[in-house]
Amino acid sequence: MNSENLLEVKGLSLSIVGDEDDHQVINNVCFDVTKGKITCLVGESGSGKTMTIASILGLTPEKAYFSDQSSIQFSGESIFSIFQDPMNSFNQSIKIRKQLFNMVNGYMEMTQPDFERSMETILRKLNFKDPQRVLGQYPFELSGGMLQRLMIACGMLIEPTLIIADEPTTALDVTIQKEILKEFITINRELKTTLFVVTHDFGVVAEIADEVIVMQKGRIVEQGNVFEIFDKPREGYTKRLIKATFKELNHADVY
């Protein structure tokens, strides 16, 4: 592996067994995730983004199989995942405190008192006014935005080598989306954590990305740093995605 990369995906092809014919959902995908950067994988629904993430995390469907040339190399110590629907990340019948404590201890050994002190500090940093009250609640008592921010707090406490976030702001209102994106930037800048964020929204890309990978119909069609992608997109598909996101904004407004 290149020493500058944390994750290298080479020749990734994934197919799913069908009743009559197999269906290829990822076709010869190649990209790198650079250490210390925020990389965004962007594309429309059905472009293969989520299946790419599933491949990296080992969460592909039972009937899926890779080509012999597929290669995924990770040089870090740990990966923490944040998914689209925060409600599905929590057991609704167990209090937040216990669930977060168990999540953290899946990565590192920590006593309950140490966890309480550290988590309260992080939650206050994330503008939770009463962390102890929140930790004592059940997931169904909290909003989706609060649950997503609790997942982020968990990631901040664990300090993994890589955080993978799959459409982390899709189900949230605009104000909460902006808060979540600011928290991702904080994790990246202050903790030096590498982030790999999957999104369909070039607005998210403009807010946080250092590097961009554009995916269409299971293929990577374009990639580069965020300024290259916005200033000189090569592919018509990329141009359409940008235009759809910023149809009411001129280029200067993006920045």
Protein backbone atom coordinates (compact mmCIF):
# COMPACT_ATOMS: atom_id res chain seq x y z
CA MET A 1 0.00 0.00 0.00
CA ASN A 2 0.95 3.62 -0.54
CA SER A 3 2.00 5.00 2.86
CA GLU A 4 -0.29 8.03 2.37
CA ASN A 5 -3.40 5.86 2.03
CA LEU A 6 -5.47 4.36 4.81
CA LEU A 7 -7.74 2.39 2.49
CA GLU A 8 -7.11 1.10 -1.02
CA VAL A 9 -9.84 -0.48 -3.14
CA LYS A 10 -8.64 -2.07 -6.38
CA GLY A 11 -10.60 -3.84 -9.11
CA LEU A 12 -13.63 -4.31 -6.86
CA SER A 13 -16.41 -6.13 -8.69
CA LEU A 14 -19.43 -7.55 -6.90
CA SER A 15 -22.29 -9.60 -8.28
CA ILE A 16 -25.45 -10.99 -6.70
CA VAL A 17 -26.83 -14.40 -7.62
CA GLY A 18 -30.25 -14.16 -9.29
CA ASP A 19 -32.94 -16.68 -10.15
CA GLU A 20 -31.93 -16.64 -13.81
CA ASP A 21 -28.87 -14.41 -14.24
CA ASP A 22 -26.40 -12.90 -11.80
CA HIS A 23 -26.55 -9.12 -11.42
CA GLN A 24 -23.32 -7.14 -11.25
CA VAL A 25 -23.76 -4.20 -8.88
CA ILE A 26 -20.13 -2.99 -8.69
CA ASN A 27 -17.83 -3.05 -11.71
CA ASN A 28 -14.03 -2.72 -11.40
CA VAL A 29 -14.13 0.01 -8.76
CA CYS A 30 -10.76 1.52 -7.80
CA PHE A 31 -10.10 4.33 -5.32
CA ASP A 32 -7.97 5.34 -2.35
CA VAL A 33 -8.86 7.02 0.94
CA THR A 34 -6.01 9.27 2.05
CA LYS A 35 -4.96 9.39 5.69
CA GLY A 36 -6.26 12.42 7.57
CA LYS A 37 -8.67 13.51 4.83
CA ILE A 38 -12.43 13.58 4.39
CA THR A 39 -13.28 11.62 1.25
CA CYS A 40 -16.83 11.66 -0.13
CA LEU A 41 -18.29 8.95 -2.35
CA VAL A 42 -21.16 10.60 -4.20
CA GLY A 43 -23.78 9.32 -6.62
CA GLU A 44 -27.48 8.87 -7.19
CA SER A 45 -29.57 6.25 -5.46
CA GLY A 46 -28.77 2.85 -6.94
CA SER A 47 -25.30 3.84 -8.13
CA GLY A 48 -23.59 1.22 -5.95
CA LYS A 49 -22.41 3.43 -3.08
CA THR A 50 -23.97 1.48 -0.23
CA MET A 51 -22.88 -1.86 -1.67
CA THR A 52 -19.34 -0.51 -1.90
CA ILE A 53 -19.48 0.36 1.80
CA ALA A 54 -20.93 -3.07 2.56
CA SER A 55 -18.00 -4.64 0.73
CA ILE A 56 -15.48 -2.71 2.81
CA LEU A 57 -17.25 -3.59 6.07
CA GLY A 58 -17.88 -7.23 5.19
CA LEU A 59 -21.65 -6.75 5.19
CA THR A 60 -22.53 -7.90 1.68
CA PRO A 61 -25.67 -10.03 1.11
CA GLU A 62 -25.39 -13.79 1.47
CA LYS A 63 -25.81 -14.33 -2.29
CA ALA A 64 -23.16 -11.77 -3.27
CA TYR A 65 -19.71 -12.72 -4.52
CA PHE A 66 -16.55 -10.85 -5.55
CA SER A 67 -14.44 -11.26 -8.66
CA ASP A 68 -11.01 -12.83 -8.19
CA GLN A 69 -9.37 -9.48 -8.94
CA SER A 70 -11.18 -7.63 -6.14
CA SER A 71 -8.89 -6.21 -3.47
CA ILE A 72 -9.62 -4.15 -0.34
CA GLN A 73 -6.65 -3.17 1.84
CA PHE A 74 -6.91 -1.28 5.12
CA SER A 75 -3.79 -0.21 7.00
CA GLY A 76 -5.47 1.15 10.14
CA GLU A 77 -6.47 -0.38 13.45
CA SER A 78 -10.23 0.15 13.61
CA ILE A 79 -13.29 1.29 11.65
CA PHE A 80 -16.38 2.88 13.20
CA SER A 81 -19.57 3.03 11.13
CA ILE A 82 -22.42 5.54 11.15
CA PHE A 83 -25.47 4.60 9.10
CA GLN A 84 -28.32 6.50 7.48
CA ASP A 85 -31.15 5.76 9.91
CA PRO A 86 -29.98 6.31 13.49
CA MET A 87 -33.09 4.60 14.86
CA ASN A 88 -31.81 1.31 13.43
CA SER A 89 -28.45 1.78 15.15
CA PHE A 90 -30.05 1.46 18.59
CA ASN A 91 -32.10 -1.15 20.43
CA GLN A 92 -35.27 0.71 21.37
CA SER A 93 -35.71 -1.22 24.63
CA ILE A 94 -32.26 -0.48 26.13
CA LYS A 95 -31.21 2.85 27.58
CA ILE A 96 -28.69 4.99 25.71
CA ARG A 97 -26.06 4.79 28.47
CA LYS A 98 -25.78 1.01 28.32
CA GLN A 99 -25.75 0.88 24.53
CA LEU A 100 -23.02 3.49 24.13
CA PHE A 101 -20.97 1.86 26.89
CA ASN A 102 -21.21 -1.49 25.09
CA MET A 103 -20.28 0.13 21.75
CA VAL A 104 -17.19 1.73 23.26
CA ASN A 105 -16.11 -1.48 24.96
CA GLY A 106 -16.29 -3.27 21.64
CA TYR A 107 -13.27 -1.18 20.63
CA MET A 108 -11.46 -0.45 23.90
CA GLU A 109 -11.60 -1.40 27.57
CA MET A 110 -13.11 1.34 29.72
CA THR A 111 -14.65 1.31 33.16
CA GLN A 112 -18.16 2.65 33.65
CA PRO A 113 -16.98 5.71 35.65
CA ASP A 114 -14.34 6.57 33.02
CA PHE A 115 -16.91 6.17 30.28
CA GLU A 116 -19.37 8.43 32.11
CA ARG A 117 -16.80 11.20 32.56
CA SER A 118 -15.47 11.02 29.02
CA MET A 119 -18.87 10.77 27.35
CA GLU A 120 -20.28 13.67 29.36
CA THR A 121 -17.34 15.85 28.31
CA ILE A 122 -17.88 15.00 24.64
CA LEU A 123 -21.64 15.50 24.80
CA ARG A 124 -21.21 18.93 26.34
CA LYS A 125 -18.76 19.76 23.57
CA LEU A 126 -21.50 18.77 21.12
CA ASN A 127 -23.90 21.16 22.90
CA PHE A 128 -25.96 18.60 24.78
CA LYS A 129 -27.25 20.68 27.69
CA ASP A 130 -28.00 17.75 30.03
CA PRO A 131 -25.86 14.74 29.07
CA GLN A 132 -26.87 12.63 32.07
CA ARG A 133 -30.55 12.98 31.24
CA VAL A 134 -29.91 11.95 27.63
CA LEU A 135 -27.82 8.95 28.67
CA GLY A 136 -30.66 7.83 30.91
CA GLN A 137 -33.26 7.87 28.13
CA TYR A 138 -34.42 5.25 25.64
CA PRO A 139 -33.77 5.80 21.91
CA PHE A 140 -37.47 6.25 21.13
CA GLU A 141 -37.49 9.25 23.47
CA LEU A 142 -34.92 11.11 21.36
CA SER A 143 -35.01 12.65 17.88
CA GLY A 144 -33.18 11.19 14.91
CA GLY A 145 -30.76 14.12 14.98
CA MET A 146 -29.88 13.52 18.62
CA LEU A 147 -29.35 9.81 18.01
CA GLN A 148 -27.06 10.52 15.07
CA ARG A 149 -25.05 12.96 17.19
CA LEU A 150 -24.78 10.30 19.91
CA MET A 151 -23.23 7.98 17.33
CA ILE A 152 -20.78 10.73 16.46
CA ALA A 153 -20.00 11.21 20.16
CA CYS A 154 -19.29 7.50 20.40
CA GLY A 155 -16.91 7.78 17.45
CA MET A 156 -15.16 10.73 19.09
CA LEU A 157 -14.62 8.74 22.28
CA ILE A 158 -13.34 5.65 20.48
CA GLU A 159 -11.09 7.66 18.12
CA PRO A 160 -11.01 4.97 15.40
CA THR A 161 -8.56 5.11 12.53
CA LEU A 162 -11.43 5.46 10.05
CA ILE A 163 -15.06 6.53 10.32
CA ILE A 164 -17.35 5.38 7.52
CA ALA A 165 -20.66 7.27 7.33
CA ASP A 166 -23.37 6.12 4.91
CA GLU A 167 -25.80 8.97 4.10
CA PRO A 168 -25.54 10.27 7.69
CA THR A 169 -27.67 13.39 7.17
CA THR A 170 -30.37 12.16 4.77
CA ALA A 171 -33.16 11.66 7.30
CA LEU A 172 -32.48 14.92 9.18
CA ASP A 173 -33.73 18.47 8.77
CA VAL A 174 -31.45 21.14 7.31
CA THR A 175 -30.40 22.71 10.62
CA ILE A 176 -29.42 19.37 12.14
CA GLN A 177 -27.64 18.39 8.91
CA LYS A 178 -25.36 21.40 9.23
CA GLU A 179 -24.61 20.56 12.88
CA ILE A 180 -23.70 16.99 11.94
CA LEU A 181 -21.39 18.15 9.15
CA LYS A 182 -19.65 20.61 11.49
CA GLU A 183 -19.10 17.76 13.94
CA PHE A 184 -17.54 15.63 11.20
CA ILE A 185 -15.14 18.47 10.43
CA THR A 186 -14.29 18.74 14.14
CA ILE A 187 -13.53 15.01 14.32
CA ASN A 188 -11.29 15.28 11.27
CA ARG A 189 -9.43 18.45 12.21
CA GLU A 190 -9.06 18.00 15.97
CA LEU A 191 -8.78 14.22 16.30
CA LYS A 192 -7.06 13.69 12.93
CA THR A 193 -9.54 10.94 12.14
CA THR A 194 -9.97 9.94 8.50
CA LEU A 195 -13.57 10.05 7.27
CA PHE A 196 -15.19 8.27 4.32
CA VAL A 197 -18.65 9.73 3.78
CA VAL A 198 -21.22 8.34 1.34
CA THR A 199 -23.82 10.78 0.04
CA HIS A 200 -26.10 11.58 -2.90
CA ASP A 201 -25.87 15.30 -2.08
CA PHE A 202 -23.18 17.53 -3.54
CA GLY A 203 -24.16 20.07 -0.88
CA VAL A 204 -22.63 17.72 1.70
CA VAL A 205 -19.58 17.32 -0.52
CA ALA A 206 -19.09 21.09 -0.74
CA GLU A 207 -19.35 21.45 3.05
CA ILE A 208 -16.84 18.84 4.17
CA ALA A 209 -14.92 17.04 1.41
CA ASP A 210 -11.21 17.16 0.70
CA GLU A 211 -11.43 14.47 -1.97
CA VAL A 212 -14.39 13.32 -4.08
CA ILE A 213 -15.25 10.05 -5.82
CA VAL A 214 -18.22 10.09 -8.22
CA MET A 215 -20.07 6.82 -8.82
CA GLN A 216 -22.61 5.91 -11.50
CA LYS A 217 -24.20 2.53 -12.22
CA GLY A 218 -21.61 0.61 -10.23
CA ARG A 219 -18.57 2.37 -11.72
CA ILE A 220 -16.29 5.21 -10.67
CA VAL A 221 -16.68 7.84 -13.39
CA GLU A 222 -14.62 10.66 -11.89
CA GLN A 223 -12.47 11.45 -8.87
CA GLY A 224 -10.20 14.21 -7.63
CA ASN A 225 -9.88 16.88 -4.97
CA VAL A 226 -12.99 18.90 -4.20
CA PHE A 227 -11.82 22.01 -6.04
CA GLU A 228 -11.08 20.06 -9.23
CA ILE A 229 -14.47 18.39 -9.16
CA PHE A 230 -16.39 21.63 -8.67
CA ASP A 231 -14.23 23.84 -10.90
CA LYS A 232 -13.69 21.48 -13.83
CA PRO A 233 -15.95 18.43 -13.73
CA ARG A 234 -15.19 16.25 -16.75
CA GLU A 235 -18.23 14.00 -16.85
CA GLY A 236 -21.72 15.09 -17.82
CA TYR A 237 -23.08 12.97 -14.97
CA THR A 238 -21.01 14.92 -12.43
CA LYS A 239 -22.13 18.22 -13.94
CA ARG A 240 -25.77 17.16 -13.70
CA LEU A 241 -25.43 16.17 -10.05
CA ILE A 242 -23.78 19.48 -9.18
CA LYS A 243 -26.36 21.46 -11.14
CA ALA A 244 -29.24 19.60 -9.48
CA THR A 245 -27.87 20.40 -6.03
CA PHE A 246 -26.99 24.03 -6.65
CA LYS A 247 -29.54 25.05 -9.25
CA GLU A 248 -30.39 28.17 -7.25
CA LEU A 249 -26.81 29.03 -6.34
CA ASN A 250 -23.95 30.38 -8.43
CA HIS A 251 -20.48 28.90 -8.10
CA ALA A 252 -19.32 31.48 -5.58
CA ASP A 253 -22.16 30.63 -3.22
CA VAL A 254 -20.90 27.07 -2.91
CA TYR A 255 -17.87 28.35 -1.05
